[in-house]
Amino acid sequence: MEAALIGADSQTDIAILKIDCKDLPSLVLGDSDAMEIGEWVIAIGSPFQLEASLTVGVISAKGRQNLQITKLEDFIQTDAAINPGNSGGPLLNLNSEVIGINTAIVSKSGGYMGIGFAIPSNMAKNVMNQIIEKGGVTRGFLGVTLQAVDKEIAAAFNLEKPEGALVTEVIKDSPAEKGGIKQGDIIVEYDGHPVKNPGNLIKAVSFMEPDSTIVLKINRKGKLLTLKIKLGKSSTNIVASGGVVQQLGMEVENLSPEMAKQLGYSPDSEGVVVTRIKPGSMASQAGIRPGFLILDINHKKIKTVDDFNEAINTEQPNKRVLIRARQGNVTRFYSLRLE
């Protein structure tokens, strides 16, 4: 059975596929936020090519981050047996609702050791709806670098308990800077919800729409302040909807100030950065590589991922796409034929 790629989000490792078939069996997406630690769950998959294997366990933890699995992490941890081949399979509650997508394990042997991770269904639902409705994923952008508040940090800032997110850096001209956030602030609440750790806040902001307003309560040198901040638009890694970008075999991202500095581009540079090239693709064969800054397509200036997506997907098959891109200080044209 063949499937067409509708879109993908590399920050969460979620892709949306379309199968032209009727009356397929399906499962209902449940509410992953409603699940509690200790609740029973069921993992289904094909570990070691053993089809339709079922294992049971409990939710060991929620909100696991900093695992270096994906860029945006908020994993459900479970002790249900998950092995190679379980990835992509559902994690179910006892009502047979999908509350997670099995994705990774921690193991010294390569097999089950009691620690598995699943992408929460609410995160998958958010990505799915955006790709289907808009052709890509957009996320809110605050513009800060955050550090967890441990016991030592809490003691140094005279906090009652080690919770919140410490602002270590504020990006210039970002929504955070414009909204009044300063280095050394500790964000303790967002929209009335407590900030238990940086990941808690990062997830909340990523689920919000650009240009929406977030209300933050911060601790600044012992004084509590409330700030209303209009969010910007986060850099977005996508494989755009439709088949054209899939044919080209590249993923791109908006050029952020941090990325421009890292890649050696000037702060006033405009364009989108190539973040991934599919081996053997047309982009790969043409010589385009990760780190290239795409400046225009068919002489149309490209400033954002949306510009890139629109320019590529308005082209018709059997035509050439002329891409002007920069690598370091060298700018070249690349011609790719659509088939």
Protein backbone atom coordinates (compact mmCIF):
# COMPACT_ATOMS: atom_id res chain seq x y z
CA MET A 1 0.00 0.00 0.00
CA GLU A 2 1.48 3.32 -1.10
CA ALA A 3 1.22 6.59 0.82
CA ALA A 4 1.89 10.20 -0.16
CA LEU A 5 3.80 12.54 2.12
CA ILE A 6 1.59 15.55 2.90
CA GLY A 7 4.08 17.24 5.20
CA ALA A 8 6.58 16.72 7.99
CA ASP A 9 7.92 18.56 11.00
CA SER A 10 11.55 17.75 11.80
CA GLN A 11 11.43 19.52 15.17
CA THR A 12 9.05 16.85 16.51
CA ASP A 13 9.85 14.00 14.06
CA ILE A 14 6.20 13.80 12.97
CA ALA A 15 5.04 13.29 9.38
CA ILE A 16 1.55 13.25 7.86
CA LEU A 17 0.88 10.62 5.20
CA LYS A 18 -2.16 10.18 2.95
CA ILE A 19 -3.41 6.77 1.82
CA ASP A 20 -5.95 6.68 -1.01
CA CYS A 21 -8.14 3.96 0.43
CA LYS A 22 -11.56 3.73 2.06
CA ASP A 23 -12.88 2.04 5.20
CA LEU A 24 -9.49 1.57 6.85
CA PRO A 25 -9.60 0.72 10.57
CA SER A 26 -8.59 3.64 12.77
CA LEU A 27 -8.00 4.65 16.37
CA VAL A 28 -9.11 7.79 18.20
CA LEU A 29 -6.56 10.33 19.44
CA GLY A 30 -6.91 10.77 23.19
CA ASP A 31 -5.89 13.60 25.49
CA SER A 32 -2.27 13.02 26.54
CA ASP A 33 -2.41 15.90 29.02
CA ALA A 34 -5.15 14.08 30.95
CA MET A 35 -2.93 11.07 31.60
CA GLU A 36 -1.37 10.73 35.05
CA ILE A 37 1.87 9.11 36.19
CA GLY A 38 1.12 5.52 37.22
CA GLU A 39 -1.75 4.98 34.76
CA TRP A 40 -1.69 1.79 32.69
CA VAL A 41 -0.82 2.03 29.01
CA ILE A 42 -0.53 -0.40 26.08
CA ALA A 43 2.19 -0.29 23.41
CA ILE A 44 1.58 -1.89 20.01
CA GLY A 45 4.15 -2.38 17.26
CA SER A 46 6.32 -4.83 15.37
CA PRO A 47 9.49 -5.29 17.47
CA PHE A 48 12.12 -7.37 15.69
CA GLN A 49 9.59 -7.85 12.83
CA LEU A 50 7.10 -9.60 15.14
CA GLU A 51 3.91 -8.00 13.83
CA ALA A 52 1.13 -6.69 16.07
CA SER A 53 2.97 -7.28 19.34
CA LEU A 54 1.26 -5.92 22.45
CA THR A 55 2.96 -4.95 25.70
CA VAL A 56 1.64 -3.24 28.82
CA GLY A 57 3.10 -0.98 31.48
CA VAL A 58 2.52 2.33 33.21
CA ILE A 59 3.38 5.95 32.59
CA SER A 60 6.65 6.45 34.44
CA ALA A 61 6.98 10.20 33.83
CA LYS A 62 5.73 13.04 31.65
CA GLY A 63 7.46 15.99 30.04
CA ARG A 64 10.83 14.32 29.53
CA GLN A 65 13.24 16.68 27.75
CA ASN A 66 16.92 17.21 26.92
CA LEU A 67 17.22 13.69 25.50
CA GLN A 68 18.71 14.90 22.19
CA ILE A 69 16.13 12.89 20.24
CA THR A 70 14.30 15.79 18.60
CA LYS A 71 14.59 19.58 18.75
CA LEU A 72 11.24 19.99 20.53
CA GLU A 73 10.86 17.37 23.25
CA ASP A 74 8.03 16.65 25.68
CA PHE A 75 8.06 12.84 25.86
CA ILE A 76 5.89 10.45 27.82
CA GLN A 77 8.11 7.91 29.57
CA THR A 78 6.76 4.38 30.00
CA ASP A 79 7.99 1.02 31.21
CA ALA A 80 5.83 -0.84 28.67
CA ALA A 81 8.26 -2.97 26.68
CA ILE A 82 9.38 -1.00 23.61
CA ASN A 83 12.02 -2.42 21.28
CA PRO A 84 13.41 -1.67 17.81
CA GLY A 85 10.41 -1.95 15.50
CA ASN A 86 7.97 -0.38 17.94
CA SER A 87 8.72 3.13 16.65
CA GLY A 88 5.68 4.74 15.08
CA GLY A 89 3.29 2.40 16.85
CA PRO A 90 0.59 3.70 19.20
CA LEU A 91 0.70 4.02 22.95
CA LEU A 92 -2.87 3.51 24.15
CA ASN A 93 -4.79 4.19 27.34
CA LEU A 94 -7.25 1.63 28.69
CA ASN A 95 -10.03 3.19 26.58
CA SER A 96 -8.09 2.23 23.42
CA GLU A 97 -7.35 5.89 22.69
CA VAL A 98 -3.95 6.86 21.26
CA ILE A 99 -2.19 9.02 23.83
CA GLY A 100 1.29 8.73 22.34
CA ILE A 101 3.46 7.61 19.41
CA ASN A 102 6.28 5.26 20.44
CA THR A 103 9.56 6.73 19.30
CA ALA A 104 12.69 5.82 21.31
CA ILE A 105 14.24 3.82 24.14
CA VAL A 106 17.15 4.17 26.55
CA SER A 107 19.21 1.01 26.38
CA LYS A 108 22.79 -0.21 26.84
CA SER A 109 22.02 -3.44 25.02
CA GLY A 110 19.89 -2.12 22.14
CA GLY A 111 16.79 -3.80 23.57
CA TYR A 112 14.21 -3.19 26.28
CA MET A 113 15.51 -1.97 29.64
CA GLY A 114 12.35 -0.48 31.11
CA ILE A 115 12.65 3.04 29.71
CA GLY A 116 10.75 3.97 26.55
CA PHE A 117 9.49 7.29 25.18
CA ALA A 118 6.43 8.34 23.21
CA ILE A 119 5.46 11.61 21.53
CA PRO A 120 2.31 12.90 23.29
CA SER A 121 -0.87 12.74 21.22
CA ASN A 122 -1.65 16.42 21.84
CA MET A 123 1.68 17.41 20.28
CA ALA A 124 1.04 15.12 17.31
CA LYS A 125 -2.49 16.52 16.94
CA ASN A 126 -1.19 20.10 16.90
CA VAL A 127 1.36 19.30 14.17
CA MET A 128 -1.18 17.28 12.16
CA ASN A 129 -3.81 20.01 12.15
CA GLN A 130 -1.32 22.70 11.12
CA ILE A 131 0.14 20.68 8.24
CA ILE A 132 -3.29 19.70 6.91
CA GLU A 133 -4.79 23.18 7.27
CA LYS A 134 -1.79 25.39 6.45
CA GLY A 135 0.72 23.15 4.68
CA GLY A 136 3.37 23.61 7.35
CA VAL A 137 3.98 24.21 11.04
CA THR A 138 4.29 27.65 12.60
CA ARG A 139 5.16 28.26 16.24
CA GLY A 140 5.29 31.16 18.60
CA PHE A 141 8.69 32.75 19.26
CA LEU A 142 9.71 34.47 22.49
CA GLY A 143 13.43 35.02 21.96
CA VAL A 144 15.17 33.93 25.14
CA THR A 145 17.69 31.33 26.24
CA LEU A 146 16.55 29.55 29.39
CA GLN A 147 18.22 27.60 32.19
CA ALA A 148 16.62 25.27 34.71
CA VAL A 149 16.41 26.48 38.30
CA ASP A 150 18.10 23.85 40.51
CA LYS A 151 18.54 23.98 44.29
CA GLU A 152 21.74 26.03 44.07
CA ILE A 153 20.22 28.59 41.70
CA ALA A 154 17.08 28.77 43.85
CA ALA A 155 19.20 29.46 46.95
CA ALA A 156 21.20 32.14 45.14
CA PHE A 157 18.00 33.91 44.09
CA ASN A 158 16.32 33.38 47.48
CA LEU A 159 13.53 31.26 45.99
CA GLU A 160 11.36 29.00 48.13
CA LYS A 161 11.62 26.05 45.71
CA PRO A 162 13.61 25.17 42.58
CA GLU A 163 11.02 25.97 39.92
CA GLY A 164 10.79 28.36 37.01
CA ALA A 165 12.96 29.22 34.01
CA LEU A 166 15.99 31.48 34.41
CA VAL A 167 16.63 33.84 31.48
CA THR A 168 20.32 33.61 30.57
CA GLU A 169 20.12 35.54 27.30
CA VAL A 170 17.62 37.81 25.54
CA ILE A 171 17.89 37.93 21.75
CA LYS A 172 18.21 41.44 20.37
CA ASP A 173 15.01 42.88 18.83
CA SER A 174 13.08 39.76 19.85
CA PRO A 175 9.55 39.83 21.31
CA ALA A 176 11.12 39.16 24.72
CA GLU A 177 13.36 42.24 24.52
CA LYS A 178 10.53 44.41 23.20
CA GLY A 179 8.26 43.11 25.97
CA GLY A 180 10.70 44.02 28.74
CA ILE A 181 12.28 40.70 29.71
CA LYS A 182 15.82 41.07 31.02
CA GLN A 183 18.73 38.73 31.60
CA GLY A 184 18.50 37.27 35.10
CA ASP A 185 14.70 37.29 35.20
CA ILE A 186 13.05 34.08 36.41
CA ILE A 187 9.81 33.26 34.59
CA VAL A 188 7.49 31.63 37.12
CA GLU A 189 4.11 31.70 35.33
CA TYR A 190 2.65 31.89 31.82
CA ASP A 191 -1.04 32.71 31.31
CA GLY A 192 -1.71 31.75 34.91
CA HIS A 193 0.05 28.36 34.66
CA PRO A 194 3.16 27.62 36.78
CA VAL A 195 6.49 27.22 34.97
CA LYS A 196 8.05 24.14 36.54
CA ASN A 197 11.03 24.02 34.15
CA PRO A 198 12.21 25.61 30.86
CA GLY A 199 10.68 22.81 28.77
CA ASN A 200 7.29 23.53 30.30
CA LEU A 201 7.44 27.10 28.95
CA ILE A 202 9.05 26.16 25.62
CA LYS A 203 6.22 23.71 24.91
CA ALA A 204 3.57 26.30 25.77
CA VAL A 205 5.10 28.95 23.50
CA SER A 206 5.57 26.47 20.63
CA PHE A 207 1.86 25.60 20.75
CA MET A 208 0.84 29.26 20.49
CA GLU A 209 0.21 31.11 17.24
CA PRO A 210 2.58 33.86 16.09
CA ASP A 211 1.26 37.34 16.96
CA SER A 212 -0.71 35.96 19.92
CA THR A 213 -0.13 37.44 23.38
CA ILE A 214 1.35 35.57 26.34
CA VAL A 215 1.17 36.89 29.90
CA LEU A 216 4.31 36.15 31.90
CA LYS A 217 4.88 36.56 35.61
CA ILE A 218 8.56 37.03 36.37
CA ASN A 219 10.69 37.28 39.48
CA ARG A 220 13.15 40.14 39.07
CA LYS A 221 15.49 40.46 42.03
CA GLY A 222 12.76 39.36 44.42
CA LYS A 223 9.97 41.47 42.93
CA LEU A 224 7.12 39.88 40.96
CA LEU A 225 6.26 41.62 37.68
CA THR A 226 3.64 40.83 35.04
CA LEU A 227 4.52 41.33 31.36
CA LYS A 228 2.29 40.98 28.29
CA ILE A 229 4.31 39.95 25.26
CA LYS A 230 3.25 39.61 21.63
CA LEU A 231 4.95 36.50 20.25
CA GLY A 232 6.86 36.42 17.00
CA LYS A 233 7.17 33.57 14.53
CA SER A 234 9.62 30.80 15.22
CA SER A 235 11.96 29.36 12.63
CA THR A 236 10.16 26.45 11.04
CA ASN A 237 11.67 23.27 9.67
CA ILE A 238 9.28 21.71 7.16
CA VAL A 239 8.85 19.52 4.19
CA ALA A 240 6.13 21.55 2.53
CA SER A 241 2.77 20.17 1.52
CA GLY A 242 2.40 18.88 -2.00
CA GLY A 243 4.86 16.84 -3.97
CA VAL A 244 7.26 19.44 -5.35
CA VAL A 245 9.46 20.00 -2.31
CA GLN A 246 9.39 16.27 -1.69
CA GLN A 247 10.77 15.81 -5.23
CA LEU A 248 13.52 18.36 -4.65
CA GLY A 249 14.55 16.60 -1.44
CA MET A 250 15.38 19.48 0.87
CA GLU A 251 14.25 20.99 4.12
CA VAL A 252 14.65 24.67 4.95
CA GLU A 253 14.39 26.94 7.97
CA ASN A 254 14.00 30.67 8.52
CA LEU A 255 17.33 32.41 9.10
CA SER A 256 17.52 33.36 12.77
CA PRO A 257 20.16 35.72 14.23
CA GLU A 258 21.79 32.80 16.05
CA MET A 259 21.92 30.71 12.86
CA ALA A 260 23.34 33.60 10.81
CA LYS A 261 26.14 34.01 13.35
CA GLN A 262 26.83 30.28 13.44
CA LEU A 263 26.98 29.97 9.64
CA GLY A 264 28.98 33.17 9.14
CA TYR A 265 26.28 35.23 7.43
CA SER A 266 25.88 38.93 8.21
CA PRO A 267 23.10 39.94 10.65
CA ASP A 268 21.17 41.71 7.87
CA SER A 269 21.19 38.66 5.54
CA GLU A 270 17.84 37.51 4.19
CA GLY A 271 16.80 34.08 2.95
CA VAL A 272 16.09 30.56 4.19
CA VAL A 273 18.72 28.08 5.30
CA VAL A 274 18.91 24.54 3.93
CA THR A 275 18.92 22.26 6.99
CA ARG A 276 18.65 18.82 5.38
CA ILE A 277 19.24 17.27 1.96
CA LYS A 278 17.86 13.86 1.06
CA PRO A 279 20.62 11.65 -0.35
CA GLY A 280 20.22 11.06 -4.08
CA SER A 281 17.60 13.79 -4.47
CA MET A 282 17.59 16.44 -7.19
CA ALA A 283 18.87 19.02 -4.72
CA SER A 284 21.71 16.70 -3.75
CA GLN A 285 22.64 15.98 -7.35
CA ALA A 286 22.63 19.71 -8.15
CA GLY A 287 25.18 20.32 -5.40
CA ILE A 288 22.98 22.05 -2.81
CA ARG A 289 24.12 21.28 0.73
CA PRO A 290 22.98 21.96 4.31
CA GLY A 291 23.98 25.45 5.39
CA PHE A 292 23.30 27.04 2.00
CA LEU A 293 21.30 30.27 2.18
CA ILE A 294 18.59 30.35 -0.51
CA LEU A 295 18.18 33.94 -1.72
CA ASP A 296 15.62 33.65 -4.51
CA ILE A 297 13.74 31.13 -6.64
CA ASN A 298 13.07 31.89 -10.31
CA HIS A 299 14.17 35.48 -9.59
CA LYS A 300 11.60 35.85 -6.75
CA LYS A 301 13.19 37.01 -3.50
CA ILE A 302 12.88 34.52 -0.64
CA LYS A 303 12.80 35.87 2.92
CA THR A 304 10.85 33.18 4.81
CA VAL A 305 9.86 29.54 4.67
CA ASP A 306 6.40 30.67 3.54
CA ASP A 307 7.98 32.49 0.58
CA PHE A 308 9.98 29.37 -0.27
CA ASN A 309 6.94 27.11 0.02
CA GLU A 310 4.81 29.35 -2.16
CA ALA A 311 7.47 29.80 -4.83
CA ILE A 312 8.21 26.09 -5.12
CA ASN A 313 4.63 24.84 -5.08
CA THR A 314 3.41 27.32 -7.71
CA GLU A 315 5.79 25.78 -10.23
CA GLN A 316 4.39 23.24 -12.69
CA PRO A 317 5.88 19.80 -13.44
CA ASN A 318 8.38 19.44 -16.31
CA LYS A 319 9.78 22.89 -15.61
CA ARG A 320 13.06 23.98 -14.14
CA VAL A 321 13.44 25.64 -10.78
CA LEU A 322 16.25 28.20 -10.75
CA ILE A 323 17.62 28.65 -7.24
CA ARG A 324 20.14 31.31 -6.27
CA ALA A 325 21.96 30.35 -3.09
CA ARG A 326 24.93 31.47 -1.06
CA GLN A 327 27.54 29.38 0.71
CA GLY A 328 29.82 31.56 2.80
CA ASN A 329 30.85 34.42 0.50
CA VAL A 330 30.12 32.52 -2.73
CA THR A 331 26.78 32.93 -4.55
CA ARG A 332 25.72 30.56 -7.34
CA PHE A 333 22.67 29.56 -9.40
CA TYR A 334 21.38 25.96 -9.30
CA SER A 335 18.95 24.60 -11.87
CA LEU A 336 16.67 21.70 -10.91
CA ARG A 337 14.19 20.07 -13.30
CA LEU A 338 10.81 19.00 -11.93
CA GLU A 339 9.61 15.65 -13.23
